Amino acid sequence: AHGHVMGLGFQLMLLDLSETQSLAEAQAMIRDYAAKNPEMPWI
């Protein structure tokens, strides 16, 4: 009865930090994602 369809779709496409348990874990994911996607103008 209440959701965001495109929000889910883009979560599945882009960087998803919802399972991270600490700032350090999030930073590691962000660093890795940026390194794997050098063509993206924005992360």
PDB file of all heavy atoms in Angstrom:
ATOM      1  N   ALA A   1       0.801  -1.228   0.000  1.00  0.00           N
ATOM      2  CA  ALA A   1       0.000   0.000   0.000  1.00  0.00           C
ATOM      3  C   ALA A   1       0.830   1.272   0.000  1.00  0.00           C
ATOM      4  O   ALA A   1       0.266   2.372  -0.091  1.00  0.00           O
ATOM      5  CB  ALA A   1      -0.942   0.005   1.206  1.00  0.00           C
ATOM      6  N   HIS A   2       2.152   1.151   0.098  1.00  0.00           N
ATOM      7  CA  HIS A   2       2.998   2.353   0.063  1.00  0.00           C
ATOM      8  C   HIS A   2       4.419   1.945  -0.302  1.00  0.00           C
ATOM      9  O   HIS A   2       5.141   1.331   0.487  1.00  0.00           O
ATOM     10  CB  HIS A   2       3.005   3.058   1.430  1.00  0.00           C
ATOM     11  CG  HIS A   2       3.796   4.332   1.433  1.00  0.00           C
ATOM     12  ND1 HIS A   2       3.220   5.561   1.637  1.00  0.00           N
ATOM     13  CD2 HIS A   2       5.125   4.578   1.259  1.00  0.00           C
ATOM     14  CE1 HIS A   2       4.148   6.502   1.606  1.00  0.00           C
ATOM     15  NE2 HIS A   2       5.324   5.918   1.369  1.00  0.00           N
ATOM     16  N   GLY A   3       4.819   2.287  -1.524  1.00  0.00           N
ATOM     17  CA  GLY A   3       6.180   2.000  -1.954  1.00  0.00           C
ATOM     18  C   GLY A   3       6.618   3.000  -3.002  1.00  0.00           C
ATOM     19  O   GLY A   3       5.871   3.921  -3.379  1.00  0.00           O
ATOM     20  N   HIS A   4       7.833   2.818  -3.469  1.00  0.00           N
ATOM     21  CA  HIS A   4       8.419   3.709  -4.474  1.00  0.00           C
ATOM     22  C   HIS A   4       9.078   2.823  -5.528  1.00  0.00           C
ATOM     23  O   HIS A   4      10.201   2.359  -5.344  1.00  0.00           O
ATOM     24  CB  HIS A   4       9.427   4.656  -3.821  1.00  0.00           C
ATOM     25  CG  HIS A   4       8.867   5.399  -2.637  1.00  0.00           C
ATOM     26  ND1 HIS A   4       8.106   6.537  -2.770  1.00  0.00           N
ATOM     27  CD2 HIS A   4       8.921   5.131  -1.311  1.00  0.00           C
ATOM     28  CE1 HIS A   4       7.737   6.963  -1.571  1.00  0.00           C
ATOM     29  NE2 HIS A   4       8.208   6.122  -0.672  1.00  0.00           N
ATOM     30  N   VAL A   5       8.357   2.577  -6.607  1.00  0.00           N
ATOM     31  CA  VAL A   5       8.781   1.585  -7.591  1.00  0.00           C
ATOM     32  C   VAL A   5      10.130   1.944  -8.196  1.00  0.00           C
ATOM     33  O   VAL A   5      11.052   1.123  -8.237  1.00  0.00           O
ATOM     34  CB  VAL A   5       7.714   1.433  -8.687  1.00  0.00           C
ATOM     35  CG1 VAL A   5       8.203   0.489  -9.779  1.00  0.00           C
ATOM     36  CG2 VAL A   5       6.405   0.907  -8.084  1.00  0.00           C
ATOM     37  N   MET A   6      10.268   3.176  -8.671  1.00  0.00           N
ATOM     38  CA  MET A   6      11.533   3.565  -9.299  1.00  0.00           C
ATOM     39  C   MET A   6      12.661   3.655  -8.271  1.00  0.00           C
ATOM     40  O   MET A   6      13.823   3.405  -8.601  1.00  0.00           O
ATOM     41  CB  MET A   6      11.372   4.893 -10.028  1.00  0.00           C
ATOM     42  CG  MET A   6      10.616   4.782 -11.331  1.00  0.00           C
ATOM     43  SD  MET A   6      11.446   3.693 -12.521  1.00  0.00           S
ATOM     44  CE  MET A   6      10.378   3.927 -13.944  1.00  0.00           C
ATOM     45  N   GLY A   7      12.329   4.001  -7.048  1.00  0.00           N
ATOM     46  CA  GLY A   7      13.343   3.992  -5.996  1.00  0.00           C
ATOM     47  C   GLY A   7      13.945   2.611  -5.834  1.00  0.00           C
ATOM     48  O   GLY A   7      15.161   2.446  -5.678  1.00  0.00           O
ATOM     49  N   LEU A   8      13.091   1.581  -5.877  1.00  0.00           N
ATOM     50  CA  LEU A   8      13.579   0.207  -5.810  1.00  0.00           C
ATOM     51  C   LEU A   8      14.435  -0.116  -7.025  1.00  0.00           C
ATOM     52  O   LEU A   8      15.516  -0.705  -6.897  1.00  0.00           O
ATOM     53  CB  LEU A   8      12.396  -0.756  -5.716  1.00  0.00           C
ATOM     54  CG  LEU A   8      12.722  -2.248  -5.859  1.00  0.00           C
ATOM     55  CD1 LEU A   8      13.690  -2.704  -4.774  1.00  0.00           C
ATOM     56  CD2 LEU A   8      11.437  -3.080  -5.833  1.00  0.00           C
ATOM     57  N   GLY A   9      13.961   0.279  -8.200  1.00  0.00           N
ATOM     58  CA  GLY A   9      14.720  -0.021  -9.403  1.00  0.00           C
ATOM     59  C   GLY A   9      16.106   0.583  -9.398  1.00  0.00           C
ATOM     60  O   GLY A   9      17.095  -0.089  -9.736  1.00  0.00           O
ATOM     61  N   PHE A  10      16.187   1.842  -8.995  1.00  0.00           N
ATOM     62  CA  PHE A  10      17.502   2.485  -8.965  1.00  0.00           C
ATOM     63  C   PHE A  10      18.365   1.952  -7.826  1.00  0.00           C
ATOM     64  O   PHE A  10      19.596   1.927  -7.929  1.00  0.00           O
ATOM     65  CB  PHE A  10      17.356   4.001  -8.894  1.00  0.00           C
ATOM     66  CG  PHE A  10      17.062   4.625 -10.231  1.00  0.00           C
ATOM     67  CD1 PHE A  10      15.806   5.117 -10.538  1.00  0.00           C
ATOM     68  CD2 PHE A  10      18.040   4.666 -11.211  1.00  0.00           C
ATOM     69  CE1 PHE A  10      15.530   5.664 -11.783  1.00  0.00           C
ATOM     70  CE2 PHE A  10      17.781   5.207 -12.469  1.00  0.00           C
ATOM     71  CZ  PHE A  10      16.519   5.703 -12.749  1.00  0.00           C
ATOM     72  N   GLN A  11      17.743   1.504  -6.741  1.00  0.00           N
ATOM     73  CA  GLN A  11      18.517   0.839  -5.693  1.00  0.00           C
ATOM     74  C   GLN A  11      19.200  -0.409  -6.249  1.00  0.00           C
ATOM     75  O   GLN A  11      20.354  -0.709  -5.904  1.00  0.00           O
ATOM     76  CB  GLN A  11      17.610   0.451  -4.532  1.00  0.00           C
ATOM     77  CG  GLN A  11      18.350  -0.245  -3.384  1.00  0.00           C
ATOM     78  CD  GLN A  11      17.407  -0.764  -2.316  1.00  0.00           C
ATOM     79  OE1 GLN A  11      16.474  -1.507  -2.601  1.00  0.00           O
ATOM     80  NE2 GLN A  11      17.624  -0.352  -1.080  1.00  0.00           N
ATOM     81  N   LEU A  12      18.504  -1.129  -7.116  1.00  0.00           N
ATOM     82  CA  LEU A  12      19.063  -2.339  -7.709  1.00  0.00           C
ATOM     83  C   LEU A  12      20.109  -2.027  -8.777  1.00  0.00           C
ATOM     84  O   LEU A  12      20.941  -2.881  -9.104  1.00  0.00           O
ATOM     85  CB  LEU A  12      17.942  -3.183  -8.322  1.00  0.00           C
ATOM     86  CG  LEU A  12      16.921  -3.739  -7.315  1.00  0.00           C
ATOM     87  CD1 LEU A  12      15.724  -4.336  -8.044  1.00  0.00           C
ATOM     88  CD2 LEU A  12      17.567  -4.774  -6.406  1.00  0.00           C
ATOM     89  N   MET A  13      20.088  -0.807  -9.315  1.00  0.00           N
ATOM     90  CA  MET A  13      21.027  -0.409 -10.364  1.00  0.00           C
ATOM     91  C   MET A  13      22.277   0.279  -9.827  1.00  0.00           C
ATOM     92  O   MET A  13      23.361   0.141 -10.394  1.00  0.00           O
ATOM     93  CB  MET A  13      20.345   0.555 -11.344  1.00  0.00           C
ATOM     94  CG  MET A  13      19.388  -0.087 -12.312  1.00  0.00           C
ATOM     95  SD  MET A  13      18.488   1.145 -13.297  1.00  0.00           S
ATOM     96  CE  MET A  13      19.828   1.979 -14.167  1.00  0.00           C
ATOM     97  N   LEU A  14      22.120   1.053  -8.758  1.00  0.00           N
ATOM     98  CA  LEU A  14      23.184   1.936  -8.301  1.00  0.00           C
ATOM     99  C   LEU A  14      23.776   1.459  -6.971  1.00  0.00           C
ATOM    100  O   LEU A  14      23.501   0.354  -6.510  1.00  0.00           O
ATOM    101  CB  LEU A  14      22.637   3.364  -8.181  1.00  0.00           C
ATOM    102  CG  LEU A  14      22.067   3.955  -9.481  1.00  0.00           C
ATOM    103  CD1 LEU A  14      21.424   5.303  -9.216  1.00  0.00           C
ATOM    104  CD2 LEU A  14      23.161   4.082 -10.543  1.00  0.00           C
ATOM    105  N   LEU A  15      24.581   2.291  -6.355  1.00  0.00           N
ATOM    106  CA  LEU A  15      25.258   1.951  -5.106  1.00  0.00           C
ATOM    107  C   LEU A  15      24.251   1.842  -3.975  1.00  0.00           C
ATOM    108  O   LEU A  15      23.514   2.792  -3.688  1.00  0.00           O
ATOM    109  CB  LEU A  15      26.308   3.025  -4.784  1.00  0.00           C
ATOM    110  CG  LEU A  15      27.068   2.882  -3.466  1.00  0.00           C
ATOM    111  CD1 LEU A  15      27.833   1.564  -3.414  1.00  0.00           C
ATOM    112  CD2 LEU A  15      28.015   4.069  -3.291  1.00  0.00           C
ATOM    113  N   ASP A  16      24.209   0.706  -3.323  1.00  0.00           N
ATOM    114  CA  ASP A  16      23.245   0.433  -2.254  1.00  0.00           C
ATOM    115  C   ASP A  16      23.997   0.203  -0.944  1.00  0.00           C
ATOM    116  O   ASP A  16      24.712  -0.778  -0.788  1.00  0.00           O
ATOM    117  CB  ASP A  16      22.409  -0.784  -2.608  1.00  0.00           C
ATOM    118  CG  ASP A  16      21.400  -1.151  -1.534  1.00  0.00           C
ATOM    119  OD1 ASP A  16      21.164  -0.331  -0.633  1.00  0.00           O
ATOM    120  OD2 ASP A  16      20.849  -2.275  -1.603  1.00  0.00           O
ATOM    121  N   LEU A  17      23.795   1.123   0.000  1.00  0.00           N
ATOM    122  CA  LEU A  17      24.491   1.044   1.293  1.00  0.00           C
ATOM    123  C   LEU A  17      23.590   0.527   2.408  1.00  0.00           C
ATOM    124  O   LEU A  17      23.965   0.573   3.577  1.00  0.00           O
ATOM    125  CB  LEU A  17      25.006   2.434   1.681  1.00  0.00           C
ATOM    126  CG  LEU A  17      25.998   3.094   0.722  1.00  0.00           C
ATOM    127  CD1 LEU A  17      26.291   4.523   1.175  1.00  0.00           C
ATOM    128  CD2 LEU A  17      27.286   2.290   0.628  1.00  0.00           C
ATOM    129  N   SER A  18      22.420   0.009   2.058  1.00  0.00           N
ATOM    130  CA  SER A  18      21.438  -0.320   3.091  1.00  0.00           C
ATOM    131  C   SER A  18      21.863  -1.451   4.015  1.00  0.00           C
ATOM    132  O   SER A  18      21.363  -1.565   5.135  1.00  0.00           O
ATOM    133  CB  SER A  18      20.088  -0.658   2.443  1.00  0.00           C
ATOM    134  OG  SER A  18      20.199  -1.770   1.575  1.00  0.00           O
ATOM    135  N   GLU A  19      22.785  -2.296   3.585  1.00  0.00           N
ATOM    136  CA  GLU A  19      23.218  -3.405   4.436  1.00  0.00           C
ATOM    137  C   GLU A  19      24.501  -3.096   5.206  1.00  0.00           C
ATOM    138  O   GLU A  19      24.984  -3.941   5.960  1.00  0.00           O
ATOM    139  CB  GLU A  19      23.421  -4.669   3.589  1.00  0.00           C
ATOM    140  CG  GLU A  19      22.142  -5.185   2.937  1.00  0.00           C
ATOM    141  CD  GLU A  19      21.068  -5.543   3.957  1.00  0.00           C
ATOM    142  OE1 GLU A  19      21.409  -6.151   4.989  1.00  0.00           O
ATOM    143  OE2 GLU A  19      19.891  -5.204   3.719  1.00  0.00           O
ATOM    144  N   THR A  20      25.062  -1.912   5.024  1.00  0.00           N
ATOM    145  CA  THR A  20      26.309  -1.595   5.719  1.00  0.00           C
ATOM    146  C   THR A  20      26.066  -1.415   7.212  1.00  0.00           C
ATOM    147  O   THR A  20      25.057  -0.861   7.631  1.00  0.00           O
ATOM    148  CB  THR A  20      26.963  -0.329   5.148  1.00  0.00           C
ATOM    149  OG1 THR A  20      26.049   0.772   5.235  1.00  0.00           O
ATOM    150  CG2 THR A  20      27.354  -0.528   3.700  1.00  0.00           C
ATOM    151  N   GLN A  21      27.026  -1.881   7.998  1.00  0.00           N
ATOM    152  CA  GLN A  21      26.889  -1.866   9.451  1.00  0.00           C
ATOM    153  C   GLN A  21      27.742  -0.802  10.134  1.00  0.00           C
ATOM    154  O   GLN A  21      27.645  -0.619  11.345  1.00  0.00           O
ATOM    155  CB  GLN A  21      27.283  -3.243  10.023  1.00  0.00           C
ATOM    156  CG  GLN A  21      26.463  -4.394   9.463  1.00  0.00           C
ATOM    157  CD  GLN A  21      24.992  -4.308   9.833  1.00  0.00           C
ATOM    158  OE1 GLN A  21      24.651  -3.976  10.970  1.00  0.00           O
ATOM    159  NE2 GLN A  21      24.115  -4.602   8.881  1.00  0.00           N
ATOM    160  N   SER A  22      28.576  -0.104   9.368  1.00  0.00           N
ATOM    161  CA  SER A  22      29.446   0.911   9.960  1.00  0.00           C
ATOM    162  C   SER A  22      29.834   1.923   8.894  1.00  0.00           C
ATOM    163  O   SER A  22      29.727   1.655   7.687  1.00  0.00           O
ATOM    164  CB  SER A  22      30.712   0.277  10.545  1.00  0.00           C
ATOM    165  OG  SER A  22      31.521  -0.256   9.503  1.00  0.00           O
ATOM    166  N   LEU A  23      30.293   3.078   9.337  1.00  0.00           N
ATOM    167  CA  LEU A  23      30.798   4.078   8.408  1.00  0.00           C
ATOM    168  C   LEU A  23      31.967   3.521   7.616  1.00  0.00           C
ATOM    169  O   LEU A  23      32.066   3.727   6.395  1.00  0.00           O
ATOM    170  CB  LEU A  23      31.218   5.337   9.170  1.00  0.00           C
ATOM    171  CG  LEU A  23      31.926   6.422   8.343  1.00  0.00           C
ATOM    172  CD1 LEU A  23      31.032   6.936   7.211  1.00  0.00           C
ATOM    173  CD2 LEU A  23      32.372   7.587   9.240  1.00  0.00           C
ATOM    174  N   ALA A  24      32.858   2.806   8.274  1.00  0.00           N
ATOM    175  CA  ALA A  24      34.027   2.261   7.587  1.00  0.00           C
ATOM    176  C   ALA A  24      33.619   1.286   6.481  1.00  0.00           C
ATOM    177  O   ALA A  24      34.210   1.293   5.386  1.00  0.00           O
ATOM    178  CB  ALA A  24      34.938   1.559   8.597  1.00  0.00           C
ATOM    179  N   GLU A  25      32.611   0.457   6.744  1.00  0.00           N
ATOM    180  CA  GLU A  25      32.141  -0.480   5.726  1.00  0.00           C
ATOM    181  C   GLU A  25      31.533   0.288   4.545  1.00  0.00           C
ATOM    182  O   GLU A  25      31.753  -0.063   3.383  1.00  0.00           O
ATOM    183  CB  GLU A  25      31.104  -1.430   6.327  1.00  0.00           C
ATOM    184  CG  GLU A  25      30.625  -2.491   5.358  1.00  0.00           C
ATOM    185  CD  GLU A  25      29.575  -3.420   5.958  1.00  0.00           C
ATOM    186  OE1 GLU A  25      29.359  -3.377   7.191  1.00  0.00           O
ATOM    187  OE2 GLU A  25      28.968  -4.191   5.182  1.00  0.00           O
ATOM    188  N   ALA A  26      30.777   1.350   4.855  1.00  0.00           N
ATOM    189  CA  ALA A  26      30.201   2.170   3.791  1.00  0.00           C
ATOM    190  C   ALA A  26      31.295   2.835   2.965  1.00  0.00           C
ATOM    191  O   ALA A  26      31.227   2.870   1.727  1.00  0.00           O
ATOM    192  CB  ALA A  26      29.270   3.220   4.390  1.00  0.00           C
ATOM    193  N   GLN A  27      32.299   3.375   3.627  1.00  0.00           N
ATOM    194  CA  GLN A  27      33.398   4.021   2.903  1.00  0.00           C
ATOM    195  C   GLN A  27      34.098   3.033   1.971  1.00  0.00           C
ATOM    196  O   GLN A  27      34.458   3.377   0.843  1.00  0.00           O
ATOM    197  CB  GLN A  27      34.400   4.605   3.896  1.00  0.00           C
ATOM    198  CG  GLN A  27      33.901   5.853   4.605  1.00  0.00           C
ATOM    199  CD  GLN A  27      34.863   6.320   5.678  1.00  0.00           C
ATOM    200  OE1 GLN A  27      35.313   5.520   6.517  1.00  0.00           O
ATOM    201  NE2 GLN A  27      35.198   7.610   5.664  1.00  0.00           N
ATOM    202  N   ALA A  28      34.289   1.805   2.444  1.00  0.00           N
ATOM    203  CA  ALA A  28      34.941   0.793   1.614  1.00  0.00           C
ATOM    204  C   ALA A  28      34.099   0.479   0.382  1.00  0.00           C
ATOM    205  O   ALA A  28      34.629   0.338  -0.736  1.00  0.00           O
ATOM    206  CB  ALA A  28      35.192  -0.469   2.430  1.00  0.00           C
ATOM    207  N   MET A  29      32.775   0.401   0.552  1.00  0.00           N
ATOM    208  CA  MET A  29      31.893   0.129  -0.582  1.00  0.00           C
ATOM    209  C   MET A  29      31.911   1.277  -1.581  1.00  0.00           C
ATOM    210  O   MET A  29      31.929   1.062  -2.798  1.00  0.00           O
ATOM    211  CB  MET A  29      30.458  -0.107  -0.092  1.00  0.00           C
ATOM    212  CG  MET A  29      30.196  -1.477   0.479  1.00  0.00           C
ATOM    213  SD  MET A  29      28.408  -1.775   0.713  1.00  0.00           S
ATOM    214  CE  MET A  29      27.845  -1.841  -0.994  1.00  0.00           C
ATOM    215  N   ILE A  30      31.905   2.491  -1.060  1.00  0.00           N
ATOM    216  CA  ILE A  30      31.917   3.675  -1.933  1.00  0.00           C
ATOM    217  C   ILE A  30      33.218   3.728  -2.734  1.00  0.00           C
ATOM    218  O   ILE A  30      33.216   3.966  -3.948  1.00  0.00           O
ATOM    219  CB  ILE A  30      31.728   4.952  -1.100  1.00  0.00           C
ATOM    220  CG1 ILE A  30      30.354   4.951  -0.433  1.00  0.00           C
ATOM    221  CG2 ILE A  30      31.894   6.192  -1.969  1.00  0.00           C
ATOM    222  CD1 ILE A  30      30.221   5.934   0.724  1.00  0.00           C
ATOM    223  N   ARG A  31      34.324   3.502  -2.062  1.00  0.00           N
ATOM    224  CA  ARG A  31      35.630   3.514  -2.739  1.00  0.00           C
ATOM    225  C   ARG A  31      35.679   2.457  -3.837  1.00  0.00           C
ATOM    226  O   ARG A  31      36.105   2.714  -4.969  1.00  0.00           O
ATOM    227  CB  ARG A  31      36.750   3.265  -1.727  1.00  0.00           C
ATOM    228  CG  ARG A  31      38.156   3.278  -2.347  1.00  0.00           C
ATOM    229  CD  ARG A  31      39.220   2.778  -1.385  1.00  0.00           C
ATOM    230  NE  ARG A  31      39.400   3.656  -0.246  1.00  0.00           N
ATOM    231  CZ  ARG A  31      39.055   3.356   1.022  1.00  0.00           C
ATOM    232  NH1 ARG A  31      38.489   2.180   1.276  1.00  0.00           N
ATOM    233  NH2 ARG A  31      39.273   4.202   1.996  1.00  0.00           N
ATOM    234  N   ASP A  32      35.195   1.247  -3.521  1.00  0.00           N
ATOM    235  CA  ASP A  32      35.227   0.148  -4.476  1.00  0.00           C
ATOM    236  C   ASP A  32      34.304   0.424  -5.661  1.00  0.00           C
ATOM    237  O   ASP A  32      34.671   0.185  -6.815  1.00  0.00           O
ATOM    238  CB  ASP A  32      34.813  -1.148  -3.765  1.00  0.00           C
ATOM    239  CG  ASP A  32      34.895  -2.358  -4.665  1.00  0.00           C
ATOM    240  OD1 ASP A  32      35.995  -2.646  -5.159  1.00  0.00           O
ATOM    241  OD2 ASP A  32      33.854  -3.012  -4.884  1.00  0.00           O
ATOM    242  N   TYR A  33      33.119   0.952  -5.389  1.00  0.00           N
ATOM    243  CA  TYR A  33      32.150   1.258  -6.452  1.00  0.00           C
ATOM    244  C   TYR A  33      32.710   2.321  -7.396  1.00  0.00           C
ATOM    245  O   TYR A  33      32.590   2.205  -8.624  1.00  0.00           O
ATOM    246  CB  TYR A  33      30.842   1.726  -5.830  1.00  0.00           C
ATOM    247  CG  TYR A  33      29.724   1.981  -6.810  1.00  0.00           C
ATOM    248  CD1 TYR A  33      28.894   0.945  -7.225  1.00  0.00           C
ATOM    249  CD2 TYR A  33      29.492   3.256  -7.314  1.00  0.00           C
ATOM    250  CE1 TYR A  33      27.855   1.179  -8.123  1.00  0.00           C
ATOM    251  CE2 TYR A  33      28.452   3.500  -8.210  1.00  0.00           C
ATOM    252  CZ  TYR A  33      27.644   2.450  -8.617  1.00  0.00           C
ATOM    253  OH  TYR A  33      26.615   2.695  -9.494  1.00  0.00           O
ATOM    254  N   ALA A  34      33.325   3.353  -6.829  1.00  0.00           N
ATOM    255  CA  ALA A  34      33.905   4.414  -7.653  1.00  0.00           C
ATOM    256  C   ALA A  34      35.037   3.869  -8.533  1.00  0.00           C
ATOM    257  O   ALA A  34      35.155   4.227  -9.706  1.00  0.00           O
ATOM    258  CB  ALA A  34      34.416   5.544  -6.771  1.00  0.00           C
ATOM    259  N   ALA A  35      35.839   2.978  -7.967  1.00  0.00           N
ATOM    260  CA  ALA A  35      36.950   2.413  -8.729  1.00  0.00           C
ATOM    261  C   ALA A  35      36.451   1.541  -9.883  1.00  0.00           C
ATOM    262  O   ALA A  35      37.055   1.505 -10.962  1.00  0.00           O
ATOM    263  CB  ALA A  35      37.846   1.594  -7.810  1.00  0.00           C
ATOM    264  N   LYS A  36      35.327   0.849  -9.675  1.00  0.00           N
ATOM    265  CA  LYS A  36      34.790  -0.045 -10.696  1.00  0.00           C
ATOM    266  C   LYS A  36      33.967   0.697 -11.749  1.00  0.00           C
ATOM    267  O   LYS A  36      33.627   0.114 -12.784  1.00  0.00           O
ATOM    268  CB  LYS A  36      33.925  -1.124 -10.044  1.00  0.00           C
ATOM    269  CG  LYS A  36      34.722  -2.140  -9.229  1.00  0.00           C
ATOM    270  CD  LYS A  36      33.803  -3.165  -8.597  1.00  0.00           C
ATOM    271  CE  LYS A  36      34.602  -4.219  -7.825  1.00  0.00           C
ATOM    272  NZ  LYS A  36      33.714  -5.201  -7.145  1.00  0.00           N
ATOM    273  N   ASN A  37      33.637   1.951 -11.485  1.00  0.00           N
ATOM    274  CA  ASN A  37      32.806   2.727 -12.406  1.00  0.00           C
ATOM    275  C   ASN A  37      33.467   4.072 -12.718  1.00  0.00           C
ATOM    276  O   ASN A  37      32.913   5.138 -12.422  1.00  0.00           O
ATOM    277  CB  ASN A  37      31.416   2.941 -11.805  1.00  0.00           C
ATOM    278  CG  ASN A  37      30.643   1.651 -11.633  1.00  0.00           C
ATOM    279  OD1 ASN A  37      30.022   1.144 -12.572  1.00  0.00           O
ATOM    280  ND2 ASN A  37      30.680   1.106 -10.426  1.00  0.00           N
ATOM    281  N   PRO A  38      34.646   4.041 -13.337  1.00  0.00           N
ATOM    282  CA  PRO A  38      35.384   5.292 -13.586  1.00  0.00           C
ATOM    283  C   PRO A  38      34.702   6.214 -14.589  1.00  0.00           C
ATOM    284  O   PRO A  38      34.995   7.410 -14.632  1.00  0.00           O
ATOM    285  CB  PRO A  38      36.733   4.794 -14.131  1.00  0.00           C
ATOM    286  CG  PRO A  38      36.432   3.452 -14.730  1.00  0.00           C
ATOM    287  CD  PRO A  38      35.372   2.859 -13.838  1.00  0.00           C
ATOM    288  N   GLU A  39      33.761   5.658 -15.394  1.00  0.00           N
ATOM    289  CA  GLU A  39      33.098   6.474 -16.409  1.00  0.00           C
ATOM    290  C   GLU A  39      31.968   7.316 -15.846  1.00  0.00           C
ATOM    291  O   GLU A  39      31.479   8.244 -16.517  1.00  0.00           O
ATOM    292  CB  GLU A  39      32.560   5.564 -17.524  1.00  0.00           C
ATOM    293  CG  GLU A  39      31.273   4.820 -17.203  1.00  0.00           C
ATOM    294  CD  GLU A  39      31.421   3.670 -16.200  1.00  0.00           C
ATOM    295  OE1 GLU A  39      32.566   3.362 -15.814  1.00  0.00           O
ATOM    296  OE2 GLU A  39      30.393   3.094 -15.810  1.00  0.00           O
ATOM    297  N   MET A  40      31.529   7.029 -14.634  1.00  0.00           N
ATOM    298  CA  MET A  40      30.398   7.761 -14.061  1.00  0.00           C
ATOM    299  C   MET A  40      30.826   9.158 -13.627  1.00  0.00           C
ATOM    300  O   MET A  40      31.745   9.296 -12.810  1.00  0.00           O
ATOM    301  CB  MET A  40      29.823   7.010 -12.853  1.00  0.00           C
ATOM    302  CG  MET A  40      29.058   5.761 -13.207  1.00  0.00           C
ATOM    303  SD  MET A  40      28.289   5.021 -11.742  1.00  0.00           S
ATOM    304  CE  MET A  40      27.285   3.744 -12.512  1.00  0.00           C
ATOM    305  N   PRO A  41      30.132  10.215 -14.113  1.00  0.00           N
ATOM    306  CA  PRO A  41      30.521  11.567 -13.709  1.00  0.00           C
ATOM    307  C   PRO A  41      30.204  11.851 -12.243  1.00  0.00           C
ATOM    308  O   PRO A  41      30.895  12.644 -11.613  1.00  0.00           O
ATOM    309  CB  PRO A  41      29.697  12.464 -14.645  1.00  0.00           C
ATOM    310  CG  PRO A  41      28.541  11.622 -15.068  1.00  0.00           C
ATOM    311  CD  PRO A  41      29.047  10.219 -15.116  1.00  0.00           C
ATOM    312  N   TRP A  42      29.153  11.230 -11.730  1.00  0.00           N
ATOM    313  CA  TRP A  42      28.783  11.330 -10.314  1.00  0.00           C
ATOM    314  C   TRP A  42      28.656   9.908  -9.760  1.00  0.00           C
ATOM    315  O   TRP A  42      28.220   8.995 -10.455  1.00  0.00           O
ATOM    316  CB  TRP A  42      27.438  12.036 -10.126  1.00  0.00           C
ATOM    317  CG  TRP A  42      27.452  13.534 -10.254  1.00  0.00           C
ATOM    318  CD1 TRP A  42      27.902  14.280 -11.298  1.00  0.00           C
ATOM    319  CD2 TRP A  42      26.929  14.455  -9.293  1.00  0.00           C
ATOM    320  NE1 TRP A  42      27.713  15.618 -11.059  1.00  0.00           N
ATOM    321  CE2 TRP A  42      27.107  15.757  -9.825  1.00  0.00           C
ATOM    322  CE3 TRP A  42      26.317  14.330  -8.040  1.00  0.00           C
ATOM    323  CZ2 TRP A  42      26.718  16.905  -9.149  1.00  0.00           C
ATOM    324  CZ3 TRP A  42      25.917  15.476  -7.362  1.00  0.00           C
ATOM    325  CH2 TRP A  42      26.124  16.751  -7.908  1.00  0.00           C
ATOM    326  N   ILE A  43      29.007   9.759  -8.491  1.00  0.00           N
ATOM    327  CA  ILE A  43      28.728   8.519  -7.774  1.00  0.00           C
ATOM    328  C   ILE A  43      27.428   8.743  -7.009  1.00  0.00           C
ATOM    329  O   ILE A  43      27.361   9.580  -6.102  1.00  0.00           O
ATOM    330  CB  ILE A  43      29.867   8.150  -6.808  1.00  0.00           C
ATOM    331  CG1 ILE A  43      31.185   8.001  -7.558  1.00  0.00           C
ATOM    332  CG2 ILE A  43      29.515   6.882  -6.031  1.00  0.00           C
ATOM    333  CD1 ILE A  43      31.169   6.946  -8.646  1.00  0.00           C
TER     334      ILE A  43
END
